[in-house]
Amino acid sequence: MTLLVVEVAQIIPYTGSNSVQNSAKSLTIPLTFFDLPWLVVRVLPPPKKVFFYRLNECSREHFHSFILPKLKHSLSLVLGTYLPLSGRLTWNQDELKPNIVVSQNDPVLVTIAETDADFSHLSSYGQRQVSELHSLTPELPFSNDSVSAFSLQITLFPNQGFSIGYTAHHAVLDGKTLSMFMKAWAQLCKQEIENRVISLPQSLTPSLDRSFLKDLTKLDEQMMEIVRSLINDDKTNMRNLTAGETGDDVVLATLVLSCDDVERLRERVRRSDSSHVHLSTFVIAYAYVWTCLVKARGGDEERLVSFCFVGDFRTRLEPPLPATYFGNCVFAVGSYKRKAAEFTGERGFVNAVEILSDLVKSLSSPGMVETFAQEFANAFSSVGESSQFGSVAGSNRFGVYEMDFGWGRPVKVDVISIRGEAISMADRRDESSGVEIGMCMNKTEMDIVFSVLNHGLQN
């Protein structure tokens, strides 16, 4: 495929009377202990996601004269409320940790491009070259002492549709905040097209107040000490945003688990001797995919494997944070350095369900927050000792297919920053339950993994 960059637009946040920054010259937001782990970008790369919108009658003229202006204007409006996205992550020499710094008229860079690629292929559920998908997302601009928080790319597929791709720095915000922003942008754009009153509901208006998050246990200092050891005191590491291998043999594909698939897997657990287990769609889907990944790898069953996921703590803190809190309020919990044999035998799937169920329950345990620093250290120490390390990006509760900018819902949404045993998870586009699971690896491995996945579902 070929890609032509038409423009790199600078979208400045709207600074009207209702914006966050209508008179201030700058805004500085300190990172919290929830944000700090995501500075280790060599292990935790920036989230990259692509939304595909089909418009068969989308000519170049119509796109550039009508669709693009609406997207740009509504983006400026929503950035006035989501102001930190136009800022930069800055780490001054005399400060313990970085801050998000927003100066007046700081823009978000939006790359406008056109491509001759096959829209239907790139927006499909089958195997696609990751290098082609990456061409639909931008890089984060950086300088000697800072890196942008967020950037966008809008790509036209003439007479086929368009895509919206973003890259974000995870130390600035989590997946829930990103999903909230995209829904807010889509809603304002759709309202503008329909000549309705342009406003956001409370559920899509972010809370930027970090005074709610009190660091009573000195977690900032503990977390920062661990982060410094992992990045070797090199502050430029927060700008080392390479996403890993994207060669032609690396492909991304999506597994769809229907409501019936999930229910059949759930019934397997009910027929076992397990009791009092948490049987959510997330637990069932992750447990199944994880066991298939371990089986597909094969090899020594005594080898060590680890897997984890992040839990949202907005409602689990005391007092709870606003549901619309802007930033990171997630933390990883996991099961580390277990033997592969636990997941490859007849009871492997049930074992994974039981482990994940216990981890989900642990998120609400009293004193959980106080263990964050040690849990973070344990997770990273097990990365090098594990032959496989599983993780999950996204959630089946984000509602990614609800993001209608006025031209219909996306036909496909892909997280393209995953690799290996890191998977993505999303709700299904055309079903109220079930789940979509994205995987990215070289083609040979992908063929083996999907063979194991499909065989398990058929049996």
Protein backbone atom coordinates (compact mmCIF):
# COMPACT_ATOMS: atom_id res chain seq x y z
CA MET A 1 0.00 0.00 0.00
CA THR A 2 1.05 3.60 -0.51
CA LEU A 3 0.28 6.44 1.88
CA LEU A 4 0.36 10.12 1.00
CA VAL A 5 0.49 12.68 3.82
CA VAL A 6 -1.63 15.61 2.70
CA GLU A 7 -1.32 17.84 5.77
CA VAL A 8 -0.20 17.90 9.39
CA ALA A 9 -2.81 20.08 11.05
CA GLN A 10 -2.35 21.77 14.41
CA ILE A 11 -5.67 21.66 16.27
CA ILE A 12 -5.75 24.14 19.13
CA PRO A 13 -8.25 23.52 21.95
CA TYR A 14 -11.28 25.79 21.93
CA THR A 15 -10.88 28.37 24.71
CA GLY A 16 -14.41 29.71 25.03
CA SER A 17 -16.16 30.53 28.26
CA ASN A 18 -16.93 26.90 29.05
CA SER A 19 -13.48 25.48 28.39
CA VAL A 20 -11.09 24.35 31.10
CA GLN A 21 -8.49 26.90 30.06
CA ASN A 22 -10.22 30.11 29.08
CA SER A 23 -7.72 32.49 30.62
CA ALA A 24 -4.88 30.57 32.22
CA LYS A 25 -1.53 30.69 30.46
CA SER A 26 -0.53 27.19 31.51
CA LEU A 27 -1.74 24.13 33.36
CA THR A 28 0.50 21.70 35.23
CA ILE A 29 -0.81 18.30 36.31
CA PRO A 30 1.43 16.08 38.46
CA LEU A 31 1.62 12.38 37.73
CA THR A 32 0.33 10.02 40.41
CA PHE A 33 1.42 6.53 41.46
CA PHE A 34 -1.18 5.20 39.00
CA ASP A 35 0.57 7.03 36.13
CA LEU A 36 4.20 6.37 36.99
CA PRO A 37 4.50 2.68 35.94
CA TRP A 38 3.62 3.66 32.36
CA LEU A 39 6.83 5.67 32.05
CA VAL A 40 8.62 2.38 31.37
CA VAL A 41 7.66 2.51 27.70
CA ARG A 42 10.23 -0.06 26.56
CA VAL A 43 7.99 -2.70 28.19
CA LEU A 44 4.67 -0.84 28.20
CA PRO A 45 4.39 0.78 24.74
CA PRO A 46 2.02 3.66 23.95
CA PRO A 47 -1.55 2.61 23.10
CA LYS A 48 -2.28 2.70 19.37
CA LYS A 49 -5.82 2.17 18.09
CA VAL A 50 -7.50 2.46 14.69
CA PHE A 51 -11.23 3.04 14.03
CA PHE A 52 -12.49 2.20 10.52
CA TYR A 53 -15.57 3.99 9.09
CA ARG A 54 -17.07 2.77 5.83
CA LEU A 55 -18.35 5.42 3.38
CA ASN A 56 -18.56 4.01 -0.13
CA GLU A 57 -19.56 7.38 -1.59
CA CYS A 58 -16.74 9.23 0.15
CA SER A 59 -15.04 11.14 -2.66
CA ARG A 60 -11.93 13.23 -2.07
CA GLU A 61 -13.91 16.43 -2.62
CA HIS A 62 -16.65 15.51 -0.15
CA PHE A 63 -14.15 14.31 2.44
CA HIS A 64 -11.97 17.44 2.33
CA SER A 65 -14.81 19.96 2.00
CA PHE A 66 -17.31 18.52 4.49
CA ILE A 67 -16.16 15.55 6.62
CA LEU A 68 -12.67 16.76 7.53
CA PRO A 69 -13.75 20.30 8.58
CA LYS A 70 -16.41 18.79 10.85
CA LEU A 71 -13.89 16.44 12.44
CA LYS A 72 -11.37 19.26 12.98
CA HIS A 73 -13.86 21.72 14.45
CA SER A 74 -15.43 19.22 16.83
CA LEU A 75 -11.94 18.09 17.87
CA SER A 76 -11.04 21.65 18.83
CA LEU A 77 -14.25 21.87 20.86
CA VAL A 78 -13.69 18.63 22.76
CA LEU A 79 -10.02 19.40 23.44
CA GLY A 80 -11.18 22.50 25.31
CA THR A 81 -12.62 20.08 27.87
CA TYR A 82 -9.94 17.38 27.55
CA LEU A 83 -7.14 19.92 27.72
CA PRO A 84 -4.30 17.65 28.99
CA LEU A 85 -4.35 15.81 25.64
CA SER A 86 -2.86 18.90 24.00
CA GLY A 87 -0.05 19.03 26.56
CA ARG A 88 3.34 17.43 26.90
CA LEU A 89 4.89 15.06 29.40
CA THR A 90 7.84 17.01 30.79
CA TRP A 91 10.51 15.95 33.27
CA ASN A 92 12.56 18.86 34.56
CA GLN A 93 16.03 18.14 35.94
CA ASP A 94 15.17 19.38 39.45
CA GLU A 95 11.90 17.46 39.82
CA LEU A 96 11.34 14.01 41.28
CA LYS A 97 8.85 12.98 38.58
CA PRO A 98 7.39 14.25 35.31
CA ASN A 99 4.36 16.50 34.96
CA ILE A 100 1.80 17.01 32.25
CA VAL A 101 2.31 20.61 31.17
CA VAL A 102 -0.19 22.43 28.96
CA SER A 103 0.74 25.88 27.66
CA GLN A 104 -1.70 28.28 26.07
CA ASN A 105 -2.47 27.38 22.44
CA ASP A 106 -0.63 24.05 22.60
CA PRO A 107 -1.99 22.00 19.67
CA VAL A 108 -2.70 18.36 19.03
CA LEU A 109 -1.03 17.33 15.78
CA VAL A 110 -3.38 15.62 13.34
CA THR A 111 -1.87 13.93 10.28
CA ILE A 112 -4.20 13.96 7.27
CA ALA A 113 -3.38 11.23 4.77
CA GLU A 114 -4.73 9.30 1.79
CA THR A 115 -4.06 5.69 0.87
CA ASP A 116 -4.75 3.33 -2.00
CA ALA A 117 -5.05 0.36 0.37
CA ASP A 118 -8.02 -2.01 0.34
CA PHE A 119 -10.33 -0.71 3.08
CA SER A 120 -12.29 -3.99 3.30
CA HIS A 121 -9.11 -5.99 3.88
CA LEU A 122 -7.56 -3.69 6.49
CA SER A 123 -10.86 -3.44 8.39
CA SER A 124 -11.48 -7.19 8.35
CA TYR A 125 -11.18 -9.74 11.15
CA GLY A 126 -8.63 -11.91 9.35
CA GLN A 127 -4.85 -11.65 9.25
CA ARG A 128 -3.47 -8.27 8.22
CA GLN A 129 0.10 -7.02 8.12
CA VAL A 130 0.76 -4.92 11.21
CA SER A 131 3.13 -2.67 9.27
CA GLU A 132 0.19 -1.55 7.11
CA LEU A 133 -2.03 -0.92 10.13
CA HIS A 134 0.74 1.07 11.80
CA SER A 135 0.86 3.40 8.81
CA LEU A 136 -2.65 4.52 9.86
CA THR A 137 -1.45 5.81 13.25
CA PRO A 138 0.87 8.74 14.01
CA GLU A 139 4.00 8.96 16.11
CA LEU A 140 4.16 11.06 19.27
CA PRO A 141 6.26 14.19 18.65
CA PHE A 142 9.09 14.62 21.16
CA SER A 143 11.88 17.07 21.96
CA ASN A 144 14.94 16.90 24.18
CA ASP A 145 12.99 17.24 27.43
CA SER A 146 9.39 16.27 26.68
CA VAL A 147 6.99 14.17 24.62
CA SER A 148 3.47 14.93 23.40
CA ALA A 149 0.59 13.37 25.26
CA PHE A 150 -1.52 12.51 22.23
CA SER A 151 -1.62 12.64 18.44
CA LEU A 152 -4.10 11.64 15.73
CA GLN A 153 -4.18 10.53 12.10
CA ILE A 154 -7.19 10.68 9.80
CA THR A 155 -6.72 8.63 6.63
CA LEU A 156 -8.98 8.71 3.59
CA PHE A 157 -9.59 5.56 1.55
CA PRO A 158 -11.18 7.28 -1.50
CA ASN A 159 -14.67 5.95 -2.29
CA GLN A 160 -14.30 3.37 0.51
CA GLY A 161 -14.21 5.19 3.84
CA PHE A 162 -11.77 6.64 6.31
CA SER A 163 -9.93 5.69 9.48
CA ILE A 164 -9.09 7.53 12.68
CA GLY A 165 -5.94 6.35 14.41
CA TYR A 166 -4.47 7.61 17.63
CA THR A 167 -1.29 7.22 19.65
CA ALA A 168 -1.27 8.22 23.31
CA HIS A 169 1.31 8.26 26.08
CA HIS A 170 -0.01 5.83 28.68
CA ALA A 171 1.50 7.82 31.55
CA VAL A 172 -1.06 10.55 30.76
CA LEU A 173 -4.28 8.52 30.67
CA ASP A 174 -5.76 5.03 30.67
CA GLY A 175 -8.08 3.18 28.32
CA LYS A 176 -11.26 4.30 30.05
CA THR A 177 -10.30 7.97 29.69
CA LEU A 178 -9.33 7.46 26.03
CA SER A 179 -12.68 5.79 25.32
CA MET A 180 -14.51 8.60 27.10
CA PHE A 181 -12.66 11.17 24.98
CA MET A 182 -13.44 9.41 21.70
CA LYS A 183 -17.12 9.15 22.62
CA ALA A 184 -17.18 12.85 23.54
CA TRP A 185 -15.51 13.87 20.27
CA ALA A 186 -17.90 11.69 18.27
CA GLN A 187 -20.92 13.12 20.07
CA LEU A 188 -19.92 16.75 19.47
CA CYS A 189 -19.20 16.05 15.79
CA LYS A 190 -22.57 14.34 15.31
CA GLN A 191 -24.41 17.15 17.11
CA GLU A 192 -22.74 19.70 14.83
CA ILE A 193 -23.75 17.79 11.68
CA GLU A 194 -27.35 17.54 12.92
CA ASN A 195 -27.43 21.25 13.93
CA ARG A 196 -28.18 20.38 17.53
CA VAL A 197 -27.00 22.13 20.70
CA ILE A 198 -23.33 21.30 21.11
CA SER A 199 -22.76 20.11 24.66
CA LEU A 200 -21.43 17.14 26.58
CA PRO A 201 -23.31 15.15 29.22
CA GLN A 202 -21.79 14.85 32.67
CA SER A 203 -20.83 11.23 31.91
CA LEU A 204 -18.45 12.42 29.16
CA THR A 205 -17.07 15.49 30.96
CA PRO A 206 -13.71 14.64 32.54
CA SER A 207 -12.74 15.46 36.11
CA LEU A 208 -9.24 16.94 36.16
CA ASP A 209 -9.14 17.40 39.95
CA ARG A 210 -6.39 15.21 41.40
CA SER A 211 -6.94 16.34 44.98
CA PHE A 212 -9.33 13.40 45.26
CA LEU A 213 -6.35 11.07 44.95
CA LYS A 214 -4.47 11.37 48.22
CA ASP A 215 -1.10 9.66 48.44
CA LEU A 216 -1.43 8.74 52.10
CA THR A 217 1.01 5.84 51.87
CA LYS A 218 3.79 7.72 50.07
CA LEU A 219 3.28 5.53 47.04
CA ASP A 220 4.58 8.23 44.69
CA GLU A 221 8.06 7.98 46.17
CA GLN A 222 8.03 4.17 46.31
CA MET A 223 6.81 3.86 42.75
CA MET A 224 9.23 6.45 41.43
CA GLU A 225 12.16 4.64 43.02
CA ILE A 226 11.21 1.43 41.18
CA VAL A 227 10.62 3.28 37.92
CA ARG A 228 14.04 4.95 38.13
CA SER A 229 15.71 1.58 38.58
CA LEU A 230 13.91 0.20 35.53
CA ILE A 231 14.83 3.09 33.24
CA ASN A 232 18.38 3.39 34.68
CA ASP A 233 17.79 7.03 35.66
CA ASP A 234 17.67 7.91 31.97
CA LYS A 235 14.81 10.37 31.58
CA THR A 236 14.89 10.03 27.82
CA ASN A 237 13.36 6.58 28.26
CA MET A 238 9.92 8.14 28.58
CA ARG A 239 10.34 9.20 24.94
CA ASN A 240 11.63 5.84 23.68
CA LEU A 241 8.36 5.04 21.93
CA THR A 242 9.33 2.28 19.54
CA ALA A 243 6.56 -0.29 19.22
CA GLY A 244 8.69 -3.33 18.45
CA GLU A 245 8.90 -5.51 15.37
CA THR A 246 6.46 -4.69 12.57
CA GLY A 247 7.90 -6.76 9.72
CA ASP A 248 5.86 -8.21 6.88
CA ASP A 249 5.52 -11.56 8.67
CA VAL A 250 3.91 -9.96 11.74
CA VAL A 251 0.13 -10.05 11.45
CA LEU A 252 -2.87 -9.03 13.51
CA ALA A 253 -6.13 -10.98 13.60
CA THR A 254 -9.32 -10.93 15.65
CA LEU A 255 -10.95 -13.91 17.34
CA VAL A 256 -14.70 -13.53 17.91
CA LEU A 257 -16.26 -15.34 20.84
CA SER A 258 -20.05 -15.23 20.49
CA CYS A 259 -22.44 -15.18 23.42
CA ASP A 260 -23.01 -18.92 22.82
CA ASP A 261 -19.24 -19.59 22.80
CA VAL A 262 -18.82 -17.82 26.14
CA GLU A 263 -21.79 -19.65 27.65
CA ARG A 264 -20.45 -23.05 26.54
CA LEU A 265 -17.06 -22.23 28.08
CA ARG A 266 -18.80 -21.04 31.23
CA GLU A 267 -20.70 -24.34 31.41
CA ARG A 268 -17.38 -26.25 31.30
CA VAL A 269 -16.40 -24.52 34.53
CA ARG A 270 -19.78 -25.19 36.14
CA ARG A 271 -19.39 -28.92 35.38
CA SER A 272 -16.02 -29.00 37.14
CA ASP A 273 -15.56 -29.10 40.90
CA SER A 274 -14.93 -25.35 41.06
CA SER A 275 -17.18 -23.30 43.30
CA HIS A 276 -17.67 -19.61 44.08
CA VAL A 277 -15.76 -18.55 40.98
CA HIS A 278 -16.27 -15.25 39.19
CA LEU A 279 -17.59 -16.22 35.73
CA SER A 280 -17.71 -12.88 33.93
CA THR A 281 -17.21 -12.73 30.16
CA PHE A 282 -13.79 -11.17 30.77
CA VAL A 283 -12.61 -14.01 33.02
CA ILE A 284 -13.97 -16.74 30.73
CA ALA A 285 -12.53 -15.21 27.54
CA TYR A 286 -9.11 -14.39 28.98
CA ALA A 287 -8.76 -17.79 30.65
CA TYR A 288 -9.61 -19.58 27.41
CA VAL A 289 -7.27 -17.55 25.21
CA TRP A 290 -4.45 -17.76 27.74
CA THR A 291 -4.59 -21.55 27.97
CA CYS A 292 -4.66 -21.79 24.17
CA LEU A 293 -1.60 -19.55 23.90
CA VAL A 294 0.32 -21.75 26.35
CA LYS A 295 -0.76 -24.95 24.56
CA ALA A 296 0.15 -23.49 21.16
CA ARG A 297 3.68 -22.67 22.34
CA GLY A 298 4.24 -26.26 23.57
CA GLY A 299 7.71 -27.11 24.83
CA ASP A 300 8.84 -27.91 28.37
CA GLU A 301 5.82 -28.02 30.68
CA GLU A 302 8.07 -27.07 33.61
CA ARG A 303 8.84 -23.72 32.00
CA LEU A 304 7.57 -20.61 33.82
CA VAL A 305 4.71 -18.52 32.50
CA SER A 306 3.01 -15.39 33.84
CA PHE A 307 -0.10 -13.41 33.03
CA CYS A 308 -1.78 -10.27 34.32
CA PHE A 309 -4.49 -7.69 33.65
CA VAL A 310 -5.30 -4.20 34.90
CA GLY A 311 -8.23 -3.39 37.16
CA ASP A 312 -10.01 -0.04 37.38
CA PHE A 313 -9.78 1.45 40.88
CA ARG A 314 -12.01 4.51 40.47
CA THR A 315 -14.82 2.95 42.49
CA ARG A 316 -12.53 0.85 44.69
CA LEU A 317 -10.71 3.69 46.45
CA GLU A 318 -11.86 5.21 49.70
CA PRO A 319 -13.34 7.66 49.07
CA PRO A 320 -14.05 6.66 45.44
CA LEU A 321 -12.92 8.87 42.56
CA PRO A 322 -15.40 10.40 40.12
CA ALA A 323 -16.30 7.95 37.37
CA THR A 324 -15.02 10.54 34.87
CA TYR A 325 -11.60 10.99 36.51
CA PHE A 326 -9.05 11.95 33.82
CA GLY A 327 -5.78 10.04 33.93
CA ASN A 328 -4.72 6.57 34.97
CA CYS A 329 -6.65 4.82 37.68
CA VAL A 330 -5.76 1.25 36.77
CA PHE A 331 -3.24 -1.15 38.21
CA ALA A 332 -2.01 -4.57 37.13
CA VAL A 333 -2.65 -7.71 39.15
CA GLY A 334 -1.35 -11.03 37.99
CA SER A 335 -0.19 -14.56 38.61
CA TYR A 336 3.54 -14.87 38.04
CA LYS A 337 6.05 -17.66 37.40
CA ARG A 338 3.67 -20.60 37.30
CA LYS A 339 4.44 -23.84 35.46
CA ALA A 340 3.06 -24.19 31.95
CA ALA A 341 1.67 -27.61 32.89
CA GLU A 342 -0.99 -25.92 35.02
CA PHE A 343 -2.63 -24.63 31.83
CA THR A 344 -2.02 -27.40 29.30
CA GLY A 345 -3.72 -30.38 30.92
CA GLU A 346 -7.39 -31.35 30.92
CA ARG A 347 -8.05 -28.95 33.78
CA GLY A 348 -5.91 -26.12 32.37
CA PHE A 349 -8.82 -23.88 31.39
CA VAL A 350 -10.54 -24.31 34.76
CA ASN A 351 -7.26 -23.57 36.56
CA ALA A 352 -6.94 -20.31 34.63
CA VAL A 353 -10.54 -19.37 35.46
CA GLU A 354 -9.96 -19.99 39.16
CA ILE A 355 -6.76 -17.92 39.19
CA LEU A 356 -8.37 -15.01 37.32
CA SER A 357 -11.46 -15.20 39.52
CA ASP A 358 -9.32 -14.84 42.64
CA LEU A 359 -7.42 -11.93 41.08
CA VAL A 360 -10.65 -10.10 40.24
CA LYS A 361 -11.87 -10.56 43.81
CA SER A 362 -8.54 -9.30 45.16
CA LEU A 363 -9.09 -5.92 43.50
CA SER A 364 -11.59 -5.05 46.24
CA SER A 365 -9.48 -6.32 49.12
CA PRO A 366 -8.83 -3.86 51.96
CA GLY A 367 -5.29 -2.50 51.80
CA MET A 368 -4.83 -3.46 48.15
CA VAL A 369 -3.51 0.01 47.25
CA GLU A 370 -0.73 -0.23 49.83
CA THR A 371 0.69 -3.26 47.98
CA PHE A 372 0.97 -1.52 44.60
CA ALA A 373 4.70 -0.80 44.73
CA GLN A 374 5.62 -4.37 45.64
CA GLU A 375 3.19 -5.81 43.06
CA PHE A 376 4.72 -3.57 40.39
CA ALA A 377 8.22 -4.76 41.27
CA ASN A 378 7.11 -8.42 41.29
CA ALA A 379 5.50 -8.10 37.87
CA PHE A 380 8.59 -6.65 36.24
CA SER A 381 10.96 -9.09 37.88
CA SER A 382 8.96 -11.99 36.43
CA VAL A 383 9.04 -10.67 32.85
CA GLY A 384 12.58 -11.86 32.19
CA GLU A 385 12.04 -15.17 33.98
CA SER A 386 8.87 -16.16 32.13
CA SER A 387 8.82 -17.92 28.77
CA GLN A 388 5.40 -16.37 28.14
CA PHE A 389 3.93 -13.23 29.68
CA GLY A 390 0.25 -12.52 29.00
CA SER A 391 -1.56 -9.21 29.36
CA VAL A 392 -4.75 -7.52 28.16
CA ALA A 393 -5.24 -4.14 26.47
CA GLY A 394 -8.69 -2.59 26.28
CA SER A 395 -11.91 -3.95 27.75
CA ASN A 396 -15.16 -5.50 26.62
CA ARG A 397 -16.93 -2.71 28.55
CA PHE A 398 -15.54 0.35 26.74
CA GLY A 399 -18.19 0.39 24.02
CA VAL A 400 -15.74 1.13 21.19
CA TYR A 401 -18.42 0.52 18.54
CA GLU A 402 -20.61 3.30 19.96
CA MET A 403 -18.37 6.02 18.53
CA ASP A 404 -20.53 7.44 15.72
CA PHE A 405 -19.24 10.78 14.41
CA GLY A 406 -22.33 11.24 12.25
CA TRP A 407 -21.57 8.80 9.44
CA GLY A 408 -22.37 5.54 11.23
CA ARG A 409 -20.62 3.33 13.73
CA PRO A 410 -17.12 1.97 13.01
CA VAL A 411 -17.07 -1.30 11.08
CA LYS A 412 -13.92 -2.40 12.93
CA VAL A 413 -11.73 -1.21 15.79
CA ASP A 414 -8.20 -2.55 16.28
CA VAL A 415 -5.61 -2.13 19.02
CA ILE A 416 -2.32 -2.38 17.12
CA SER A 417 0.15 -1.84 19.98
CA ILE A 418 -0.08 -5.45 21.22
CA ARG A 419 2.51 -8.19 20.63
CA GLY A 420 2.97 -11.88 21.41
CA GLU A 421 0.94 -13.00 24.44
CA ALA A 422 -0.42 -9.47 24.91
CA ILE A 423 -3.99 -9.49 23.60
CA SER A 424 -6.67 -6.85 23.19
CA MET A 425 -10.29 -7.18 24.22
CA ALA A 426 -13.40 -5.31 23.05
CA ASP A 427 -17.15 -5.62 22.94
CA ARG A 428 -18.69 -7.10 19.80
CA ARG A 429 -20.00 -4.75 17.15
CA ASP A 430 -23.24 -6.56 16.31
CA GLU A 431 -24.04 -8.42 19.50
CA SER A 432 -24.83 -7.13 22.97
CA SER A 433 -22.65 -9.84 24.52
CA GLY A 434 -19.67 -11.87 23.44
CA VAL A 435 -16.21 -10.45 22.92
CA GLU A 436 -13.62 -9.61 20.25
CA ILE A 437 -10.03 -10.58 21.01
CA GLY A 438 -7.12 -9.17 19.02
CA MET A 439 -3.81 -10.97 18.70
CA CYS A 440 -0.55 -9.97 17.03
CA MET A 441 2.40 -12.27 16.22
CA ASN A 442 4.21 -13.71 13.25
CA LYS A 443 2.06 -15.57 10.75
CA THR A 444 3.33 -19.06 11.55
CA GLU A 445 2.57 -18.64 15.25
CA MET A 446 -0.82 -17.09 14.48
CA ASP A 447 -1.85 -20.07 12.35
CA ILE A 448 -0.98 -22.48 15.18
CA VAL A 449 -2.74 -20.38 17.84
CA PHE A 450 -5.96 -20.07 15.83
CA SER A 451 -5.92 -23.80 15.13
CA VAL A 452 -5.78 -24.49 18.88
CA LEU A 453 -8.44 -21.84 19.61
CA ASN A 454 -10.90 -23.14 17.03
CA HIS A 455 -10.28 -26.80 17.93
CA GLY A 456 -11.08 -26.06 21.57
CA LEU A 457 -14.33 -24.30 20.69
CA GLN A 458 -15.46 -27.10 18.37
CA ASN A 459 -14.89 -29.67 21.11
